[in-house]
Amino acid sequence: MLYRAHREASHPDYVQWGRRKVRLSIYLILPSWFSLIVVDALFGRFLTPDFLFAGVVAYVIGTVIVVMLVERRKIRELRAAWKETHPLFEKETKT
């Protein structure tokens, strides 16, 4: 509980970014994965199983890779902003 209060008070950008990430996964990623399951259920008889499986796996892996890359980029931006606002901490940790 204290950690959450600290984050919200001291790091509002990080909290806002985390909430955006949760909304993205709830409103975009999960429904798109669900639609792939529906397509598989409806058209699984007409498409070859290997093609359908490869398409679903490629889509899921691609989505995960994109999310990871966006997350890494945002963490780098947050670190750079933190270093700008905390110059004394950087000087003390380099010695």
PDB file of N, CA and C in Angstrom:
ATOM      1  N   MET A   1       0.811  -1.184   0.000  1.00  0.00           N
ATOM      2  CA  MET A   1       0.000   0.000   0.000  1.00  0.00           C
ATOM      3  C   MET A   1       0.863   1.260   0.000  1.00  0.00           C
ATOM      4  N   LEU A   2       1.953   1.240   0.799  1.00  0.00           N
ATOM      5  CA  LEU A   2       2.837   2.400   0.841  1.00  0.00           C
ATOM      6  C   LEU A   2       3.544   2.599  -0.494  1.00  0.00           C
ATOM      7  N   TYR A   3       3.906   1.485  -1.127  1.00  0.00           N
ATOM      8  CA  TYR A   3       4.582   1.581  -2.421  1.00  0.00           C
ATOM      9  C   TYR A   3       3.680   2.247  -3.454  1.00  0.00           C
ATOM     10  N   ARG A   4       2.423   1.866  -3.451  1.00  0.00           N
ATOM     11  CA  ARG A   4       1.471   2.452  -4.404  1.00  0.00           C
ATOM     12  C   ARG A   4       1.296   3.953  -4.158  1.00  0.00           C
ATOM     13  N   ALA A   5       1.191   4.335  -2.901  1.00  0.00           N
ATOM     14  CA  ALA A   5       1.060   5.758  -2.572  1.00  0.00           C
ATOM     15  C   ALA A   5       2.319   6.520  -2.979  1.00  0.00           C
ATOM     16  N   HIS A   6       3.485   5.906  -2.773  1.00  0.00           N
ATOM     17  CA  HIS A   6       4.744   6.543  -3.175  1.00  0.00           C
ATOM     18  C   HIS A   6       4.794   6.742  -4.685  1.00  0.00           C
ATOM     19  N   ARG A   7       4.411   5.706  -5.420  1.00  0.00           N
ATOM     20  CA  ARG A   7       4.422   5.821  -6.889  1.00  0.00           C
ATOM     21  C   ARG A   7       3.490   6.920  -7.360  1.00  0.00           C
ATOM     22  N   GLU A   8       2.286   6.948  -6.834  1.00  0.00           N
ATOM     23  CA  GLU A   8       1.319   7.953  -7.272  1.00  0.00           C
ATOM     24  C   GLU A   8       1.748   9.363  -6.895  1.00  0.00           C
ATOM     25  N   ALA A   9       2.424   9.524  -5.758  1.00  0.00           N
ATOM     26  CA  ALA A   9       2.851  10.852  -5.326  1.00  0.00           C
ATOM     27  C   ALA A   9       4.126  11.302  -6.032  1.00  0.00           C
ATOM     28  N   SER A  10       5.080  10.391  -6.175  1.00  0.00           N
ATOM     29  CA  SER A  10       6.400  10.777  -6.688  1.00  0.00           C
ATOM     30  C   SER A  10       6.595  10.533  -8.174  1.00  0.00           C
ATOM     31  N   HIS A  11       5.890   9.569  -8.726  1.00  0.00           N
ATOM     32  CA  HIS A  11       6.113   9.186 -10.120  1.00  0.00           C
ATOM     33  C   HIS A  11       4.795   9.094 -10.887  1.00  0.00           C
ATOM     34  N   PRO A  12       4.090  10.204 -11.054  1.00  0.00           N
ATOM     35  CA  PRO A  12       2.781  10.139 -11.723  1.00  0.00           C
ATOM     36  C   PRO A  12       2.881   9.730 -13.194  1.00  0.00           C
ATOM     37  N   ASP A  13       4.001  10.040 -13.858  1.00  0.00           N
ATOM     38  CA  ASP A  13       4.157   9.625 -15.257  1.00  0.00           C
ATOM     39  C   ASP A  13       4.188   8.111 -15.377  1.00  0.00           C
ATOM     40  N   TYR A  14       4.894   7.468 -14.463  1.00  0.00           N
ATOM     41  CA  TYR A  14       4.986   6.009 -14.483  1.00  0.00           C
ATOM     42  C   TYR A  14       3.625   5.375 -14.215  1.00  0.00           C
ATOM     43  N   VAL A  15       2.890   5.926 -13.271  1.00  0.00           N
ATOM     44  CA  VAL A  15       1.560   5.395 -12.947  1.00  0.00           C
ATOM     45  C   VAL A  15       0.625   5.559 -14.134  1.00  0.00           C
ATOM     46  N   GLN A  16       0.671   6.719 -14.772  1.00  0.00           N
ATOM     47  CA  GLN A  16      -0.186   6.968 -15.936  1.00  0.00           C
ATOM     48  C   GLN A  16       0.169   6.013 -17.070  1.00  0.00           C
ATOM     49  N   TRP A  17       1.451   5.788 -17.283  1.00  0.00           N
ATOM     50  CA  TRP A  17       1.878   4.872 -18.335  1.00  0.00           C
ATOM     51  C   TRP A  17       1.422   3.448 -18.035  1.00  0.00           C
ATOM     52  N   GLY A  18       1.515   3.036 -16.773  1.00  0.00           N
ATOM     53  CA  GLY A  18       1.066   1.701 -16.393  1.00  0.00           C
ATOM     54  C   GLY A  18      -0.424   1.515 -16.619  1.00  0.00           C
ATOM     55  N   ARG A  19      -1.192   2.545 -16.308  1.00  0.00           N
ATOM     56  CA  ARG A  19      -2.640   2.457 -16.543  1.00  0.00           C
ATOM     57  C   ARG A  19      -2.950   2.376 -18.028  1.00  0.00           C
ATOM     58  N   ARG A  20      -2.190   3.117 -18.836  1.00  0.00           N
ATOM     59  CA  ARG A  20      -2.383   3.062 -20.284  1.00  0.00           C
ATOM     60  C   ARG A  20      -2.083   1.667 -20.817  1.00  0.00           C
ATOM     61  N   LYS A  21      -1.058   1.042 -20.263  1.00  0.00           N
ATOM     62  CA  LYS A  21      -0.684  -0.302 -20.694  1.00  0.00           C
ATOM     63  C   LYS A  21      -1.782  -1.308 -20.360  1.00  0.00           C
ATOM     64  N   VAL A  22      -2.379  -1.167 -19.195  1.00  0.00           N
ATOM     65  CA  VAL A  22      -3.466  -2.066 -18.803  1.00  0.00           C
ATOM     66  C   VAL A  22      -4.675  -1.862 -19.711  1.00  0.00           C
ATOM     67  N   ARG A  23      -5.011  -0.598 -19.987  1.00  0.00           N
ATOM     68  CA  ARG A  23      -6.142  -0.325 -20.886  1.00  0.00           C
ATOM     69  C   ARG A  23      -5.881  -0.877 -22.276  1.00  0.00           C
ATOM     70  N   LEU A  24      -4.655  -0.736 -22.762  1.00  0.00           N
ATOM     71  CA  LEU A  24      -4.310  -1.263 -24.081  1.00  0.00           C
ATOM     72  C   LEU A  24      -4.525  -2.760 -24.128  1.00  0.00           C
ATOM     73  N   SER A  25      -4.079  -3.458 -23.104  1.00  0.00           N
ATOM     74  CA  SER A  25      -4.232  -4.905 -23.119  1.00  0.00           C
ATOM     75  C   SER A  25      -5.689  -5.322 -22.982  1.00  0.00           C
ATOM     76  N   ILE A  26      -6.469  -4.595 -22.198  1.00  0.00           N
ATOM     77  CA  ILE A  26      -7.868  -4.980 -21.999  1.00  0.00           C
ATOM     78  C   ILE A  26      -8.714  -4.666 -23.230  1.00  0.00           C
ATOM     79  N   TYR A  27      -8.524  -3.496 -23.817  1.00  0.00           N
ATOM     80  CA  TYR A  27      -9.410  -3.060 -24.894  1.00  0.00           C
ATOM     81  C   TYR A  27      -8.908  -3.378 -26.296  1.00  0.00           C
ATOM     82  N   LEU A  28      -7.647  -3.730 -26.462  1.00  0.00           N
ATOM     83  CA  LEU A  28      -7.134  -3.965 -27.805  1.00  0.00           C
ATOM     84  C   LEU A  28      -6.572  -5.368 -27.980  1.00  0.00           C
ATOM     85  N   ILE A  29      -5.678  -5.764 -27.119  1.00  0.00           N
ATOM     86  CA  ILE A  29      -4.984  -7.034 -27.315  1.00  0.00           C
ATOM     87  C   ILE A  29      -5.886  -8.225 -27.018  1.00  0.00           C
ATOM     88  N   LEU A  30      -6.533  -8.238 -25.869  1.00  0.00           N
ATOM     89  CA  LEU A  30      -7.386  -9.381 -25.529  1.00  0.00           C
ATOM     90  C   LEU A  30      -8.548  -9.572 -26.508  1.00  0.00           C
ATOM     91  N   PRO A  31      -9.267  -8.514 -26.921  1.00  0.00           N
ATOM     92  CA  PRO A  31     -10.322  -8.726 -27.920  1.00  0.00           C
ATOM     93  C   PRO A  31      -9.789  -9.223 -29.260  1.00  0.00           C
ATOM     94  N   SER A  32      -8.610  -8.761 -29.653  1.00  0.00           N
ATOM     95  CA  SER A  32      -8.074  -9.240 -30.929  1.00  0.00           C
ATOM     96  C   SER A  32      -7.701 -10.714 -30.835  1.00  0.00           C
ATOM     97  N   TRP A  33      -7.150 -11.139 -29.700  1.00  0.00           N
ATOM     98  CA  TRP A  33      -6.863 -12.559 -29.525  1.00  0.00           C
ATOM     99  C   TRP A  33      -8.162 -13.362 -29.487  1.00  0.00           C
ATOM    100  N   PHE A  34      -9.193 -12.827 -28.850  1.00  0.00           N
ATOM    101  CA  PHE A  34     -10.483 -13.503 -28.806  1.00  0.00           C
ATOM    102  C   PHE A  34     -11.070 -13.636 -30.209  1.00  0.00           C
ATOM    103  N   SER A  35     -10.908 -12.596 -31.032  1.00  0.00           N
ATOM    104  CA  SER A  35     -11.415 -12.684 -32.406  1.00  0.00           C
ATOM    105  C   SER A  35     -10.683 -13.763 -33.190  1.00  0.00           C
ATOM    106  N   LEU A  36      -9.400 -13.954 -32.919  1.00  0.00           N
ATOM    107  CA  LEU A  36      -8.686 -15.051 -33.578  1.00  0.00           C
ATOM    108  C   LEU A  36      -9.251 -16.406 -33.164  1.00  0.00           C
ATOM    109  N   ILE A  37      -9.627 -16.535 -31.913  1.00  0.00           N
ATOM    110  CA  ILE A  37     -10.224 -17.790 -31.452  1.00  0.00           C
ATOM    111  C   ILE A  37     -11.575 -18.005 -32.126  1.00  0.00           C
ATOM    112  N   VAL A  38     -12.356 -16.945 -32.287  1.00  0.00           N
ATOM    113  CA  VAL A  38     -13.653 -17.050 -32.961  1.00  0.00           C
ATOM    114  C   VAL A  38     -13.461 -17.443 -34.421  1.00  0.00           C
ATOM    115  N   VAL A  39     -12.494 -16.827 -35.092  1.00  0.00           N
ATOM    116  CA  VAL A  39     -12.214 -17.190 -36.493  1.00  0.00           C
ATOM    117  C   VAL A  39     -11.802 -18.646 -36.571  1.00  0.00           C
ATOM    118  N   ASP A  40     -10.996 -19.076 -35.637  1.00  0.00           N
ATOM    119  CA  ASP A  40     -10.588 -20.480 -35.620  1.00  0.00           C
ATOM    120  C   ASP A  40     -11.792 -21.397 -35.426  1.00  0.00           C
ATOM    121  N   ALA A  41     -12.698 -21.013 -34.534  1.00  0.00           N
ATOM    122  CA  ALA A  41     -13.871 -21.846 -34.278  1.00  0.00           C
ATOM    123  C   ALA A  41     -14.824 -21.871 -35.468  1.00  0.00           C
ATOM    124  N   LEU A  42     -14.987 -20.734 -36.145  1.00  0.00           N
ATOM    125  CA  LEU A  42     -15.943 -20.669 -37.251  1.00  0.00           C
ATOM    126  C   LEU A  42     -15.389 -21.232 -38.555  1.00  0.00           C
ATOM    127  N   PHE A  43     -14.142 -20.917 -38.843  1.00  0.00           N
ATOM    128  CA  PHE A  43     -13.586 -21.286 -40.142  1.00  0.00           C
ATOM    129  C   PHE A  43     -12.511 -22.351 -40.050  1.00  0.00           C
ATOM    130  N   GLY A  44     -12.397 -22.986 -38.914  1.00  0.00           N
ATOM    131  CA  GLY A  44     -11.385 -24.022 -38.742  1.00  0.00           C
ATOM    132  C   GLY A  44     -11.550 -25.183 -39.697  1.00  0.00           C
ATOM    133  N   ARG A  45     -12.763 -25.434 -40.126  1.00  0.00           N
ATOM    134  CA  ARG A  45     -13.005 -26.545 -41.057  1.00  0.00           C
ATOM    135  C   ARG A  45     -12.515 -26.233 -42.460  1.00  0.00           C
ATOM    136  N   PHE A  46     -12.535 -24.952 -42.833  1.00  0.00           N
ATOM    137  CA  PHE A  46     -12.214 -24.573 -44.205  1.00  0.00           C
ATOM    138  C   PHE A  46     -10.734 -24.263 -44.405  1.00  0.00           C
ATOM    139  N   LEU A  47     -10.061 -23.850 -43.345  1.00  0.00           N
ATOM    140  CA  LEU A  47      -8.633 -23.546 -43.439  1.00  0.00           C
ATOM    141  C   LEU A  47      -7.832 -24.755 -42.976  1.00  0.00           C
ATOM    142  N   THR A  48      -6.660 -24.911 -43.534  1.00  0.00           N
ATOM    143  CA  THR A  48      -5.825 -26.025 -43.087  1.00  0.00           C
ATOM    144  C   THR A  48      -5.364 -25.751 -41.661  1.00  0.00           C
ATOM    145  N   PRO A  49      -5.312 -26.767 -40.850  1.00  0.00           N
ATOM    146  CA  PRO A  49      -4.934 -26.555 -39.443  1.00  0.00           C
ATOM    147  C   PRO A  49      -3.533 -25.951 -39.281  1.00  0.00           C
ATOM    148  N   ASP A  50      -2.606 -26.348 -40.144  1.00  0.00           N
ATOM    149  CA  ASP A  50      -1.249 -25.807 -40.029  1.00  0.00           C
ATOM    150  C   ASP A  50      -1.230 -24.314 -40.322  1.00  0.00           C
ATOM    151  N   PHE A  51      -1.958 -23.899 -41.347  1.00  0.00           N
ATOM    152  CA  PHE A  51      -2.012 -22.481 -41.701  1.00  0.00           C
ATOM    153  C   PHE A  51      -2.658 -21.669 -40.591  1.00  0.00           C
ATOM    154  N   LEU A  52      -3.758 -22.176 -40.071  1.00  0.00           N
ATOM    155  CA  LEU A  52      -4.468 -21.474 -39.006  1.00  0.00           C
ATOM    156  C   LEU A  52      -3.617 -21.380 -37.745  1.00  0.00           C
ATOM    157  N   PHE A  53      -2.973 -22.474 -37.384  1.00  0.00           N
ATOM    158  CA  PHE A  53      -2.119 -22.476 -36.197  1.00  0.00           C
ATOM    159  C   PHE A  53      -0.947 -21.520 -36.371  1.00  0.00           C
ATOM    160  N   ALA A  54      -0.320 -21.552 -37.534  1.00  0.00           N
ATOM    161  CA  ALA A  54       0.816 -20.658 -37.790  1.00  0.00           C
ATOM    162  C   ALA A  54       0.377 -19.196 -37.747  1.00  0.00           C
ATOM    163  N   GLY A  55      -0.795 -18.898 -38.285  1.00  0.00           N
ATOM    164  CA  GLY A  55      -1.296 -17.529 -38.253  1.00  0.00           C
ATOM    165  C   GLY A  55      -1.563 -17.041 -36.843  1.00  0.00           C
ATOM    166  N   VAL A  56      -2.186 -17.872 -36.041  1.00  0.00           N
ATOM    167  CA  VAL A  56      -2.489 -17.491 -34.658  1.00  0.00           C
ATOM    168  C   VAL A  56      -1.203 -17.316 -33.859  1.00  0.00           C
ATOM    169  N   VAL A  57      -0.287 -18.256 -33.995  1.00  0.00           N
ATOM    170  CA  VAL A  57       0.973 -18.165 -33.251  1.00  0.00           C
ATOM    171  C   VAL A  57       1.770 -16.941 -33.692  1.00  0.00           C
ATOM    172  N   ALA A  58       1.836 -16.682 -34.990  1.00  0.00           N
ATOM    173  CA  ALA A  58       2.572 -15.516 -35.485  1.00  0.00           C
ATOM    174  C   ALA A  58       1.942 -14.224 -34.974  1.00  0.00           C
ATOM    175  N   TYR A  59       0.631 -14.163 -34.952  1.00  0.00           N
ATOM    176  CA  TYR A  59      -0.043 -12.956 -34.470  1.00  0.00           C
ATOM    177  C   TYR A  59       0.224 -12.732 -32.983  1.00  0.00           C
ATOM    178  N   VAL A  60       0.124 -13.777 -32.199  1.00  0.00           N
ATOM    179  CA  VAL A  60       0.345 -13.649 -30.756  1.00  0.00           C
ATOM    180  C   VAL A  60       1.794 -13.258 -30.471  1.00  0.00           C
ATOM    181  N   ILE A  61       2.738 -13.909 -31.122  1.00  0.00           N
ATOM    182  CA  ILE A  61       4.148 -13.581 -30.910  1.00  0.00           C
ATOM    183  C   ILE A  61       4.438 -12.160 -31.377  1.00  0.00           C
ATOM    184  N   GLY A  62       3.884 -11.770 -32.509  1.00  0.00           N
ATOM    185  CA  GLY A  62       4.076 -10.405 -32.994  1.00  0.00           C
ATOM    186  C   GLY A  62       3.524  -9.371 -32.038  1.00  0.00           C
ATOM    187  N   THR A  63       2.354  -9.631 -31.482  1.00  0.00           N
ATOM    188  CA  THR A  63       1.758  -8.707 -30.519  1.00  0.00           C
ATOM    189  C   THR A  63       2.629  -8.584 -29.275  1.00  0.00           C
ATOM    190  N   VAL A  64       3.109  -9.701 -28.784  1.00  0.00           N
ATOM    191  CA  VAL A  64       3.955  -9.681 -27.588  1.00  0.00           C
ATOM    192  C   VAL A  64       5.255  -8.926 -27.858  1.00  0.00           C
ATOM    193  N   ILE A  65       5.854  -9.129 -29.019  1.00  0.00           N
ATOM    194  CA  ILE A  65       7.097  -8.432 -29.361  1.00  0.00           C
ATOM    195  C   ILE A  65       6.871  -6.927 -29.442  1.00  0.00           C
ATOM    196  N   VAL A  66       5.794  -6.515 -30.085  1.00  0.00           N
ATOM    197  CA  VAL A  66       5.507  -5.080 -30.196  1.00  0.00           C
ATOM    198  C   VAL A  66       5.291  -4.466 -28.816  1.00  0.00           C
ATOM    199  N   VAL A  67       4.549  -5.129 -27.963  1.00  0.00           N
ATOM    200  CA  VAL A  67       4.302  -4.615 -26.617  1.00  0.00           C
ATOM    201  C   VAL A  67       5.611  -4.516 -25.836  1.00  0.00           C
ATOM    202  N   MET A  68       6.477  -5.516 -25.959  1.00  0.00           N
ATOM    203  CA  MET A  68       7.756  -5.479 -25.251  1.00  0.00           C
ATOM    204  C   MET A  68       8.640  -4.340 -25.750  1.00  0.00           C
ATOM    205  N   LEU A  69       8.676  -4.114 -27.058  1.00  0.00           N
ATOM    206  CA  LEU A  69       9.497  -3.030 -27.596  1.00  0.00           C
ATOM    207  C   LEU A  69       8.985  -1.661 -27.161  1.00  0.00           C
ATOM    208  N   VAL A  70       7.675  -1.488 -27.165  1.00  0.00           N
ATOM    209  CA  VAL A  70       7.101  -0.218 -26.710  1.00  0.00           C
ATOM    210  C   VAL A  70       7.409  -0.009 -25.229  1.00  0.00           C
ATOM    211  N   GLU A  71       7.317  -1.073 -24.448  1.00  0.00           N
ATOM    212  CA  GLU A  71       7.600  -0.969 -23.021  1.00  0.00           C
ATOM    213  C   GLU A  71       9.062  -0.614 -22.771  1.00  0.00           C
ATOM    214  N   ARG A  72       9.983  -1.226 -23.502  1.00  0.00           N
ATOM    215  CA  ARG A  72      11.408  -0.903 -23.346  1.00  0.00           C
ATOM    216  C   ARG A  72      11.688   0.550 -23.694  1.00  0.00           C
ATOM    217  N   ARG A  73      11.064   1.026 -24.771  1.00  0.00           N
ATOM    218  CA  ARG A  73      11.267   2.419 -25.173  1.00  0.00           C
ATOM    219  C   ARG A  73      10.766   3.372 -24.096  1.00  0.00           C
ATOM    220  N   LYS A  74       9.600   3.084 -23.543  1.00  0.00           N
ATOM    221  CA  LYS A  74       9.038   3.958 -22.521  1.00  0.00           C
ATOM    222  C   LYS A  74       9.881   3.926 -21.250  1.00  0.00           C
ATOM    223  N   ILE A  75      10.404   2.774 -20.882  1.00  0.00           N
ATOM    224  CA  ILE A  75      11.257   2.688 -19.699  1.00  0.00           C
ATOM    225  C   ILE A  75      12.528   3.501 -19.907  1.00  0.00           C
ATOM    226  N   ARG A  76      13.097   3.460 -21.103  1.00  0.00           N
ATOM    227  CA  ARG A  76      14.274   4.291 -21.393  1.00  0.00           C
ATOM    228  C   ARG A  76      13.944   5.772 -21.248  1.00  0.00           C
ATOM    229  N   GLU A  77      12.787   6.179 -21.760  1.00  0.00           N
ATOM    230  CA  GLU A  77      12.380   7.581 -21.637  1.00  0.00           C
ATOM    231  C   GLU A  77      12.191   7.974 -20.172  1.00  0.00           C
ATOM    232  N   LEU A  78      11.573   7.099 -19.390  1.00  0.00           N
ATOM    233  CA  LEU A  78      11.378   7.383 -17.972  1.00  0.00           C
ATOM    234  C   LEU A  78      12.713   7.466 -17.235  1.00  0.00           C
ATOM    235  N   ARG A  79      13.663   6.586 -17.578  1.00  0.00           N
ATOM    236  CA  ARG A  79      14.989   6.638 -16.954  1.00  0.00           C
ATOM    237  C   ARG A  79      15.707   7.936 -17.288  1.00  0.00           C
ATOM    238  N   ALA A  80      15.639   8.335 -18.544  1.00  0.00           N
ATOM    239  CA  ALA A  80      16.298   9.581 -18.946  1.00  0.00           C
ATOM    240  C   ALA A  80      15.686  10.774 -18.218  1.00  0.00           C
ATOM    241  N   ALA A  81      14.371  10.794 -18.109  1.00  0.00           N
ATOM    242  CA  ALA A  81      13.712  11.889 -17.392  1.00  0.00           C
ATOM    243  C   ALA A  81      14.070  11.864 -15.913  1.00  0.00           C
ATOM    244  N   TRP A  82      14.182  10.662 -15.347  1.00  0.00           N
ATOM    245  CA  TRP A  82      14.541  10.550 -13.934  1.00  0.00           C
ATOM    246  C   TRP A  82      15.964  11.047 -13.704  1.00  0.00           C
ATOM    247  N   LYS A  83      16.874  10.699 -14.591  1.00  0.00           N
ATOM    248  CA  LYS A  83      18.262  11.154 -14.445  1.00  0.00           C
ATOM    249  C   LYS A  83      18.364  12.668 -14.551  1.00  0.00           C
ATOM    250  N   GLU A  84      17.530  13.275 -15.377  1.00  0.00           N
ATOM    251  CA  GLU A  84      17.539  14.737 -15.488  1.00  0.00           C
ATOM    252  C   GLU A  84      17.036  15.404 -14.205  1.00  0.00           C
ATOM    253  N   THR A  85      16.057  14.792 -13.575  1.00  0.00           N
ATOM    254  CA  THR A  85      15.484  15.405 -12.375  1.00  0.00           C
ATOM    255  C   THR A  85      16.216  15.013 -11.098  1.00  0.00           C
ATOM    256  N   HIS A  86      17.100  14.024 -11.153  1.00  0.00           N
ATOM    257  CA  HIS A  86      17.850  13.571  -9.977  1.00  0.00           C
ATOM    258  C   HIS A  86      19.355  13.573 -10.265  1.00  0.00           C
ATOM    259  N   PRO A  87      19.962  14.720 -10.537  1.00  0.00           N
ATOM    260  CA  PRO A  87      21.389  14.729 -10.883  1.00  0.00           C
ATOM    261  C   PRO A  87      22.293  14.373  -9.704  1.00  0.00           C
ATOM    262  N   LEU A  88      21.894  14.672  -8.485  1.00  0.00           N
ATOM    263  CA  LEU A  88      22.729  14.357  -7.329  1.00  0.00           C
ATOM    264  C   LEU A  88      22.856  12.859  -7.125  1.00  0.00           C
ATOM    265  N   PHE A  89      21.803  12.132  -7.373  1.00  0.00           N
ATOM    266  CA  PHE A  89      21.841  10.680  -7.224  1.00  0.00           C
ATOM    267  C   PHE A  89      22.845  10.074  -8.192  1.00  0.00           C
ATOM    268  N   GLU A  90      22.904  10.567  -9.401  1.00  0.00           N
ATOM    269  CA  GLU A  90      23.844  10.060 -10.401  1.00  0.00           C
ATOM    270  C   GLU A  90      25.285  10.302  -9.967  1.00  0.00           C
ATOM    271  N   LYS A  91      25.564  11.470  -9.405  1.00  0.00           N
ATOM    272  CA  LYS A  91      26.929  11.780  -8.972  1.00  0.00           C
ATOM    273  C   LYS A  91      27.362  10.883  -7.821  1.00  0.00           C
ATOM    274  N   GLU A  92      26.467  10.624  -6.886  1.00  0.00           N
ATOM    275  CA  GLU A  92      26.814   9.815  -5.722  1.00  0.00           C
ATOM    276  C   GLU A  92      26.986   8.347  -6.056  1.00  0.00           C
ATOM    277  N   THR A  93      26.271   7.834  -7.015  1.00  0.00           N
ATOM    278  CA  THR A  93      26.368   6.416  -7.338  1.00  0.00           C
ATOM    279  C   THR A  93      27.542   6.102  -8.247  1.00  0.00           C
ATOM    280  N   LYS A  94      28.132   7.087  -8.894  1.00  0.00           N
ATOM    281  CA  LYS A  94      29.265   6.834  -9.785  1.00  0.00           C
ATOM    282  C   LYS A  94      30.580   6.719  -9.030  1.00  0.00           C
ATOM    283  N   THR A  95      30.639   7.135  -7.785  1.00  0.00           N
ATOM    284  CA  THR A  95      31.902   7.071  -7.037  1.00  0.00           C
ATOM    285  C   THR A  95      32.144   5.725  -6.439  1.00  0.00           C
TER     286      THR A  95
END
